[in-house]
N, C-alpha and C. Protein backbone atom coordinates (compact mmCIF):
# COMPACT_ATOMS: atom_id res chain seq x y z
N UNK A 1 25.21 -95.79 99.90
CA UNK A 1 24.99 -94.88 100.87
C UNK A 1 25.77 -94.71 101.88
N UNK A 2 27.09 -93.59 102.09
CA UNK A 2 27.54 -93.50 103.74
C UNK A 2 26.83 -92.97 104.51
N UNK A 3 27.02 -92.97 105.76
CA UNK A 3 26.04 -92.46 106.85
C UNK A 3 27.33 -91.74 107.66
N UNK A 4 27.12 -90.28 107.75
CA UNK A 4 28.44 -89.49 108.58
C UNK A 4 27.98 -89.75 110.10
N UNK A 5 28.57 -89.69 110.74
CA UNK A 5 28.36 -89.70 112.06
C UNK A 5 29.42 -88.78 113.04
N UNK A 6 28.82 -87.87 113.80
CA UNK A 6 29.64 -86.94 114.40
C UNK A 6 29.59 -87.56 115.84
N UNK A 7 31.08 -87.58 116.49
CA UNK A 7 30.97 -88.21 117.78
C UNK A 7 31.07 -86.92 118.77
N UNK A 8 30.57 -86.31 119.59
CA UNK A 8 30.53 -85.67 120.46
C UNK A 8 30.44 -86.03 122.02
N UNK A 9 30.75 -85.59 123.02
CA UNK A 9 30.65 -85.61 124.27
C UNK A 9 29.25 -85.12 124.56
N UNK A 10 28.73 -85.85 125.78
CA UNK A 10 27.35 -85.50 126.07
C UNK A 10 27.37 -84.25 126.59
N UNK A 11 28.30 -83.43 127.05
CA UNK A 11 28.21 -82.13 127.68
C UNK A 11 28.46 -81.38 126.16
N UNK A 12 28.74 -81.78 125.06
CA UNK A 12 28.45 -81.02 123.67
C UNK A 12 27.29 -81.00 123.27
N UNK A 13 26.72 -82.38 123.17
CA UNK A 13 25.32 -82.37 122.57
C UNK A 13 24.13 -81.68 123.80
N UNK A 14 24.44 -81.83 125.13
CA UNK A 14 23.69 -80.82 126.15
C UNK A 14 23.76 -79.32 125.65
N UNK A 15 24.88 -78.90 125.08
CA UNK A 15 25.13 -77.48 125.05
C UNK A 15 24.30 -77.36 123.71
N UNK A 16 24.81 -78.26 122.54
CA UNK A 16 23.79 -77.63 121.51
C UNK A 16 22.37 -77.76 121.78
N UNK A 17 21.98 -78.94 122.54
CA UNK A 17 20.39 -78.78 122.93
C UNK A 17 20.18 -77.55 123.63
N UNK A 18 20.70 -77.18 124.50
CA UNK A 18 20.21 -75.78 124.96
C UNK A 18 20.36 -74.35 124.06
N UNK A 19 21.44 -74.57 123.55
CA UNK A 19 21.14 -73.40 122.13
C UNK A 19 20.03 -73.64 121.25
N UNK A 20 19.73 -74.79 120.54
CA UNK A 20 18.37 -74.96 120.20
C UNK A 20 17.40 -74.25 120.67
N UNK A 21 17.23 -74.88 121.78
CA UNK A 21 16.00 -74.36 122.64
C UNK A 21 15.98 -72.78 123.12
N UNK A 22 17.36 -72.13 123.39
CA UNK A 22 16.82 -71.16 123.57
C UNK A 22 16.51 -70.16 122.59
N UNK A 23 17.00 -70.50 121.44
CA UNK A 23 16.58 -70.06 119.99
C UNK A 23 15.38 -69.87 119.48
N UNK A 24 14.90 -71.23 120.10
CA UNK A 24 13.36 -71.53 119.21
C UNK A 24 12.64 -70.27 120.03
N UNK A 25 12.60 -70.01 121.19
CA UNK A 25 11.90 -68.80 121.54
C UNK A 25 12.09 -67.69 120.97
N UNK A 26 13.07 -67.45 120.06
CA UNK A 26 13.42 -66.02 119.69
C UNK A 26 12.23 -65.86 118.25
N UNK A 27 11.77 -66.76 118.02
CA UNK A 27 10.67 -66.61 116.56
C UNK A 27 9.38 -66.03 117.43
N UNK A 28 9.34 -66.12 119.00
CA UNK A 28 7.88 -65.74 119.15
C UNK A 28 8.42 -64.34 119.91
N UNK A 29 7.15 -63.37 119.19
CA UNK A 29 7.34 -62.23 119.68
C UNK A 29 6.30 -62.11 120.84
N UNK A 30 6.31 -60.84 121.45
CA UNK A 30 5.18 -60.41 122.19
C UNK A 30 4.20 -59.69 121.90
N UNK A 31 3.03 -60.01 121.91
CA UNK A 31 1.70 -59.28 121.62
C UNK A 31 0.98 -58.31 122.05
N UNK A 32 1.23 -57.07 121.79
CA UNK A 32 0.23 -56.31 122.47
C UNK A 32 -0.94 -55.92 122.12
N UNK A 33 -2.03 -55.88 123.07
CA UNK A 33 -3.34 -55.55 123.11
C UNK A 33 -3.44 -54.06 123.14
N UNK A 34 -4.18 -53.50 122.47
CA UNK A 34 -4.11 -51.87 122.15
C UNK A 34 -5.60 -51.53 122.17
N UNK A 35 -5.55 -50.33 122.72
CA UNK A 35 -6.87 -49.48 122.76
C UNK A 35 -6.67 -48.24 122.32
N UNK A 36 -8.25 -47.01 122.16
CA UNK A 36 -7.93 -46.00 121.85
C UNK A 36 -6.96 -45.07 123.16
N UNK A 37 -5.94 -44.56 123.06
CA UNK A 37 -5.46 -43.79 124.46
C UNK A 37 -6.42 -43.00 125.15
N UNK A 38 -7.54 -42.55 124.61
CA UNK A 38 -8.37 -42.00 125.76
C UNK A 38 -9.33 -43.17 126.57
N UNK A 39 -9.13 -43.88 126.02
CA UNK A 39 -10.32 -45.46 126.48
C UNK A 39 -9.45 -45.86 127.75
N UNK A 40 -9.57 -45.51 129.03
CA UNK A 40 -9.22 -45.91 130.26
C UNK A 40 -9.52 -47.43 130.89
N UNK A 41 -10.15 -48.23 130.08
CA UNK A 41 -10.48 -49.39 130.67
C UNK A 41 -9.25 -50.39 131.15
N UNK A 42 -9.60 -51.26 132.17
CA UNK A 42 -8.56 -52.39 132.36
C UNK A 42 -9.22 -53.34 132.33
N UNK A 43 -8.49 -54.23 131.53
CA UNK A 43 -9.02 -55.69 130.81
C UNK A 43 -8.13 -56.82 131.24
N UNK A 44 -8.99 -57.90 131.68
CA UNK A 44 -8.10 -59.28 132.27
C UNK A 44 -7.94 -60.05 130.94
N UNK A 45 -6.89 -61.03 130.88
CA UNK A 45 -6.90 -62.07 129.67
C UNK A 45 -8.25 -62.55 129.54
N UNK A 46 -9.03 -63.24 130.18
CA UNK A 46 -10.31 -63.43 130.18
C UNK A 46 -11.32 -62.77 129.24
N UNK A 47 -11.03 -61.36 129.53
CA UNK A 47 -11.88 -60.41 129.11
C UNK A 47 -11.54 -60.25 127.47
N UNK A 48 -10.15 -59.92 127.44
CA UNK A 48 -9.64 -59.97 125.83
C UNK A 48 -10.27 -61.09 124.94
N UNK A 49 -9.91 -62.44 125.73
CA UNK A 49 -10.21 -63.73 125.05
C UNK A 49 -11.89 -63.29 124.69
N UNK A 50 -12.45 -63.05 125.64
CA UNK A 50 -13.91 -63.20 125.46
C UNK A 50 -14.38 -61.92 124.21
N UNK A 51 -13.53 -60.93 124.03
CA UNK A 51 -14.12 -60.07 123.28
C UNK A 51 -13.59 -60.67 121.82
N UNK A 52 -12.60 -61.09 121.78
CA UNK A 52 -11.98 -61.52 120.61
C UNK A 52 -12.67 -62.70 120.13
N UNK A 53 -13.33 -63.67 121.11
CA UNK A 53 -14.15 -64.94 120.48
C UNK A 53 -15.67 -64.69 120.49
N UNK A 54 -16.09 -63.28 120.37
CA UNK A 54 -17.32 -62.76 120.13
C UNK A 54 -18.45 -63.11 121.17
N UNK A 55 -17.64 -63.54 122.53
CA UNK A 55 -18.58 -63.93 123.72
C UNK A 55 -19.27 -63.02 124.32
N UNK A 56 -18.77 -61.83 124.39
CA UNK A 56 -18.94 -60.37 124.83
C UNK A 56 -18.74 -59.24 123.86
N UNK A 57 -19.58 -58.14 123.78
CA UNK A 57 -19.16 -57.26 123.10
C UNK A 57 -19.16 -55.91 123.99
N UNK A 58 -18.76 -55.78 124.94
CA UNK A 58 -18.37 -54.57 125.66
C UNK A 58 -17.21 -55.22 126.76
N UNK A 59 -16.45 -53.77 127.08
CA UNK A 59 -15.10 -53.75 128.01
C UNK A 59 -16.06 -53.92 129.32
N UNK A 60 -15.47 -54.20 130.33
CA UNK A 60 -15.87 -54.28 131.64
C UNK A 60 -16.59 -52.87 132.26
N UNK A 61 -16.18 -51.73 131.70
CA UNK A 61 -16.88 -50.72 132.02
C UNK A 61 -18.26 -50.43 131.47
N UNK A 62 -18.75 -51.48 130.73
CA UNK A 62 -19.71 -51.45 129.81
C UNK A 62 -20.08 -50.64 128.49
N UNK A 63 -18.94 -49.95 128.27
CA UNK A 63 -18.71 -49.26 126.88
C UNK A 63 -18.39 -50.32 125.89
N UNK A 64 -19.11 -50.30 124.49
CA UNK A 64 -18.90 -51.04 123.23
C UNK A 64 -17.36 -51.60 123.09
N UNK A 65 -17.44 -52.63 122.78
CA UNK A 65 -15.87 -53.06 122.23
C UNK A 65 -15.98 -53.71 120.93
N UNK A 66 -15.08 -53.33 120.06
CA UNK A 66 -15.07 -53.59 118.83
C UNK A 66 -13.74 -54.35 118.36
N UNK A 67 -13.23 -55.29 118.40
CA UNK A 67 -12.19 -56.20 117.86
C UNK A 67 -11.63 -55.99 116.24
N UNK A 68 -10.67 -55.62 116.11
CA UNK A 68 -9.89 -55.65 114.97
C UNK A 68 -8.75 -56.32 114.95
N UNK A 69 -8.85 -57.53 113.95
CA UNK A 69 -7.74 -58.23 113.80
C UNK A 69 -6.84 -58.22 112.74
N UNK A 70 -5.46 -58.97 112.70
CA UNK A 70 -4.69 -58.53 111.53
C UNK A 70 -4.84 -59.86 110.66
N UNK A 71 -4.81 -59.83 109.36
CA UNK A 71 -5.50 -60.96 108.43
C UNK A 71 -4.17 -62.38 108.82
N UNK A 72 -5.16 -63.45 108.32
CA UNK A 72 -4.23 -64.59 108.34
C UNK A 72 -2.99 -64.19 107.73
N UNK A 73 -1.92 -64.91 108.24
CA UNK A 73 -0.42 -65.11 107.77
C UNK A 73 0.46 -64.33 108.52
N UNK A 74 -0.02 -63.40 109.19
CA UNK A 74 0.47 -62.34 109.92
C UNK A 74 1.17 -63.04 111.18
N UNK A 75 2.32 -62.88 111.46
CA UNK A 75 3.15 -63.76 112.53
C UNK A 75 2.23 -63.12 114.01
N UNK A 76 2.02 -62.14 114.09
CA UNK A 76 1.39 -61.38 115.41
C UNK A 76 0.19 -62.45 115.31
N UNK A 77 -0.89 -62.28 114.19
CA UNK A 77 -1.98 -63.01 114.45
C UNK A 77 -1.69 -64.55 114.90
N UNK A 78 -0.89 -65.20 114.59
CA UNK A 78 -0.80 -66.47 114.99
C UNK A 78 -0.45 -66.54 116.46
N UNK A 79 0.57 -65.78 116.85
CA UNK A 79 1.07 -65.66 118.37
C UNK A 79 -0.30 -65.61 119.19
N UNK A 80 -1.03 -64.35 118.63
CA UNK A 80 -2.22 -63.79 119.52
C UNK A 80 -3.36 -65.10 119.49
N UNK A 81 -3.22 -65.64 118.54
CA UNK A 81 -4.33 -66.77 118.74
C UNK A 81 -4.05 -68.05 119.36
N UNK A 82 -2.59 -68.16 119.21
CA UNK A 82 -2.36 -69.46 119.96
C UNK A 82 -1.74 -69.19 121.31
N UNK A 83 -1.24 -68.13 121.84
CA UNK A 83 -1.01 -67.34 123.17
C UNK A 83 -2.27 -66.94 123.87
N UNK A 84 -3.21 -66.11 123.24
CA UNK A 84 -4.14 -65.54 124.18
C UNK A 84 -5.47 -66.52 124.13
N UNK A 85 -5.97 -66.91 122.74
CA UNK A 85 -7.10 -67.61 122.73
C UNK A 85 -7.00 -69.34 122.71
N UNK A 86 -5.66 -69.66 123.11
CA UNK A 86 -5.05 -71.19 123.05
C UNK A 86 -5.75 -71.79 122.21
N UNK A 87 -6.04 -71.41 120.86
CA UNK A 87 -6.57 -72.08 119.70
C UNK A 87 -5.50 -72.03 118.08
N UNK A 88 -5.95 -73.08 117.43
CA UNK A 88 -5.03 -73.05 115.99
C UNK A 88 -6.04 -71.92 115.45
N UNK A 89 -5.36 -71.67 114.11
CA UNK A 89 -6.03 -71.00 113.37
C UNK A 89 -7.38 -71.46 112.72
N UNK A 90 -7.05 -72.75 112.33
CA UNK A 90 -8.32 -73.62 112.05
C UNK A 90 -9.20 -73.59 112.85
N UNK A 91 -9.25 -73.74 114.29
CA UNK A 91 -10.13 -73.89 115.21
C UNK A 91 -10.63 -72.59 115.50
N UNK A 92 -10.05 -71.42 115.55
CA UNK A 92 -10.37 -70.05 115.37
C UNK A 92 -11.75 -69.78 114.27
N UNK A 93 -11.11 -70.17 113.07
CA UNK A 93 -11.77 -69.75 111.65
C UNK A 93 -13.33 -70.57 111.86
N UNK A 94 -13.12 -71.69 112.35
CA UNK A 94 -14.28 -72.54 112.52
C UNK A 94 -15.47 -72.00 113.53
N UNK A 95 -14.46 -71.39 114.90
CA UNK A 95 -15.53 -70.76 115.78
C UNK A 95 -16.08 -69.70 115.27
N UNK A 96 -15.57 -68.84 114.58
CA UNK A 96 -16.37 -67.69 113.79
C UNK A 96 -17.28 -68.13 113.07
N UNK A 97 -17.02 -68.85 112.37
CA UNK A 97 -18.13 -69.64 110.78
C UNK A 97 -19.29 -70.19 111.52
N UNK A 98 -18.82 -70.70 112.71
CA UNK A 98 -20.15 -70.94 113.54
C UNK A 98 -21.03 -70.20 114.08
N UNK A 99 -20.34 -68.59 114.56
CA UNK A 99 -21.06 -67.63 115.09
C UNK A 99 -21.88 -67.15 114.02
N UNK A 100 -21.17 -67.02 112.92
CA UNK A 100 -21.64 -66.05 111.57
C UNK A 100 -22.96 -66.78 111.25
N UNK A 101 -22.80 -68.08 111.11
CA UNK A 101 -24.02 -69.02 110.36
C UNK A 101 -25.03 -68.93 111.30
N UNK A 102 -24.83 -69.06 112.63
CA UNK A 102 -26.08 -69.03 113.72
C UNK A 102 -26.71 -67.43 113.66
N UNK A 103 -26.01 -66.33 113.38
CA UNK A 103 -26.17 -65.17 113.71
C UNK A 103 -25.88 -64.67 115.07
N UNK A 104 -25.05 -65.01 115.56
CA UNK A 104 -24.59 -64.61 117.04
C UNK A 104 -24.04 -63.90 117.35
N UNK A 105 -23.17 -63.84 116.26
CA UNK A 105 -21.96 -62.30 116.33
C UNK A 105 -21.30 -62.02 115.05
N UNK A 106 -20.95 -60.75 114.70
CA UNK A 106 -20.11 -59.97 113.76
C UNK A 106 -18.77 -60.33 113.90
N UNK A 107 -18.19 -61.05 112.92
CA UNK A 107 -16.60 -61.35 113.15
C UNK A 107 -15.91 -59.82 113.11
N UNK A 108 -14.55 -59.81 113.68
CA UNK A 108 -13.95 -58.51 113.81
C UNK A 108 -13.68 -58.31 112.52
N UNK A 109 -13.23 -56.76 112.34
CA UNK A 109 -12.96 -56.71 111.42
C UNK A 109 -11.52 -56.94 111.22
N UNK A 110 -10.81 -57.36 109.85
CA UNK A 110 -9.20 -57.76 109.53
C UNK A 110 -8.87 -56.72 108.72
N UNK A 111 -7.89 -56.35 109.07
CA UNK A 111 -6.98 -55.20 108.61
C UNK A 111 -5.44 -56.21 108.06
N UNK A 112 -5.04 -55.50 106.99
CA UNK A 112 -3.84 -56.02 106.38
C UNK A 112 -2.51 -56.00 107.47
N UNK A 113 -2.31 -54.85 107.79
CA UNK A 113 -1.08 -54.28 108.52
C UNK A 113 -1.22 -53.74 110.07
N UNK A 114 -0.07 -53.89 110.89
CA UNK A 114 -0.06 -53.14 111.83
C UNK A 114 -0.21 -51.58 111.88
N UNK A 115 0.34 -51.21 110.80
CA UNK A 115 0.08 -50.06 110.71
C UNK A 115 -1.60 -49.19 110.38
N UNK A 116 -2.17 -50.22 109.78
CA UNK A 116 -3.44 -50.07 109.32
C UNK A 116 -4.20 -49.94 110.58
N UNK A 117 -3.94 -51.04 111.73
CA UNK A 117 -4.62 -51.48 112.85
C UNK A 117 -4.01 -50.13 113.76
N UNK A 118 -3.10 -49.75 113.82
CA UNK A 118 -2.64 -48.44 114.90
C UNK A 118 -3.68 -47.29 114.27
N UNK A 119 -3.70 -47.18 113.05
CA UNK A 119 -4.80 -45.88 112.61
C UNK A 119 -6.19 -46.06 112.99
N UNK A 120 -6.67 -47.40 112.56
CA UNK A 120 -7.82 -47.50 113.28
C UNK A 120 -8.14 -47.55 114.73
N UNK A 121 -7.30 -48.32 115.53
CA UNK A 121 -7.71 -47.99 116.74
C UNK A 121 -7.51 -46.34 117.53
N UNK A 122 -6.27 -45.83 116.73
CA UNK A 122 -5.79 -44.40 117.17
C UNK A 122 -7.35 -43.53 116.74
N UNK A 123 -8.52 -43.75 115.95
CA UNK A 123 -9.58 -43.32 115.50
C UNK A 123 -10.61 -43.85 116.34
N UNK A 124 -10.53 -44.69 116.47
CA UNK A 124 -11.96 -45.42 117.20
C UNK A 124 -11.83 -45.80 118.79
N UNK A 125 -12.45 -44.90 119.46
CA UNK A 125 -12.45 -45.07 120.91
C UNK A 125 -12.84 -46.62 121.43
N UNK A 126 -14.18 -47.31 120.59
CA UNK A 126 -14.44 -48.74 121.02
C UNK A 126 -13.28 -49.68 120.31
N UNK A 127 -12.35 -49.43 119.46
CA UNK A 127 -11.54 -50.57 118.90
C UNK A 127 -10.64 -51.15 120.13
N UNK A 128 -10.38 -52.38 119.96
CA UNK A 128 -9.60 -53.17 120.64
C UNK A 128 -8.83 -54.00 119.59
N UNK A 129 -7.37 -54.04 119.78
CA UNK A 129 -6.76 -54.95 118.72
C UNK A 129 -5.24 -55.50 119.39
N UNK A 130 -4.63 -55.96 118.48
CA UNK A 130 -3.40 -56.59 118.76
C UNK A 130 -2.69 -56.54 117.72
N UNK A 131 -0.94 -56.07 117.90
CA UNK A 131 0.05 -56.24 117.06
C UNK A 131 1.19 -56.58 117.82
N UNK A 132 2.24 -56.61 116.94
CA UNK A 132 3.69 -56.89 117.79
C UNK A 132 3.86 -56.08 118.45
N UNK A 133 4.25 -56.34 119.97
CA UNK A 133 4.46 -55.31 120.91
C UNK A 133 5.47 -54.29 120.38
N UNK A 134 6.35 -54.92 119.62
CA UNK A 134 7.73 -53.96 118.80
C UNK A 134 6.81 -52.92 118.04
N UNK A 135 5.99 -52.74 118.09
CA UNK A 135 5.50 -52.11 116.55
C UNK A 135 4.34 -51.06 117.44
N UNK A 136 4.06 -50.71 118.61
CA UNK A 136 3.31 -49.84 119.36
C UNK A 136 3.97 -48.58 119.01
N UNK A 137 2.84 -47.44 119.27
CA UNK A 137 3.26 -46.25 118.96
C UNK A 137 2.80 -45.43 120.05
N UNK A 138 2.92 -44.09 120.44
CA UNK A 138 2.35 -43.41 121.45
C UNK A 138 0.69 -43.04 120.87
N UNK A 139 0.44 -43.33 119.82
CA UNK A 139 -1.23 -43.17 119.06
C UNK A 139 -2.19 -44.01 119.72
N UNK A 140 -1.43 -45.16 120.70
CA UNK A 140 -2.71 -45.90 121.29
C UNK A 140 -2.21 -46.18 122.36
N UNK A 141 -2.97 -47.00 123.59
CA UNK A 141 -2.55 -47.29 124.79
C UNK A 141 -2.29 -48.96 124.67
N UNK A 142 -1.41 -49.28 125.60
CA UNK A 142 -1.48 -50.92 125.75
C UNK A 142 -2.05 -51.15 127.05
N UNK A 143 -3.01 -52.12 126.81
CA UNK A 143 -3.71 -52.64 127.94
C UNK A 143 -2.95 -53.91 128.50
N UNK A 144 -2.46 -54.80 127.65
CA UNK A 144 -1.92 -56.10 128.09
C UNK A 144 -0.77 -56.38 127.04
N UNK A 145 0.14 -57.31 127.55
CA UNK A 145 1.13 -57.80 126.48
C UNK A 145 1.45 -59.40 126.88
N UNK A 146 1.36 -60.12 126.06
CA UNK A 146 1.35 -61.42 125.95
C UNK A 146 2.62 -61.99 125.33
């Protein structure tokens, strides 16, 4: 078996490395946190994390907060769990399994698509959800982008 070696200058290798590094960020999309357009609440990143982890069940103004999430396998869900919750999918699932088993919280409603999320949030004033930021419509209000 013969191995093929490509010889390049250090400058060329550096350019190739920079190109791959720059392109690696292209797969990561921004995630928008959305609420009903009439919900004028302001939420911090900590509030969002606490709501989606079942630690709190209300917005900072005291109104009920009902989290809605995309089903496992959706790229926006993966981004949200990684960027916002700083967890892996397995750790997130384990966290919710523990809360459900001990009766401490009810898991977020899971919907199949961003369209379903948009429809739900536009109808329910207490809903809070996340979708790919490029899929946001005027039917909802963005409270944070990660």
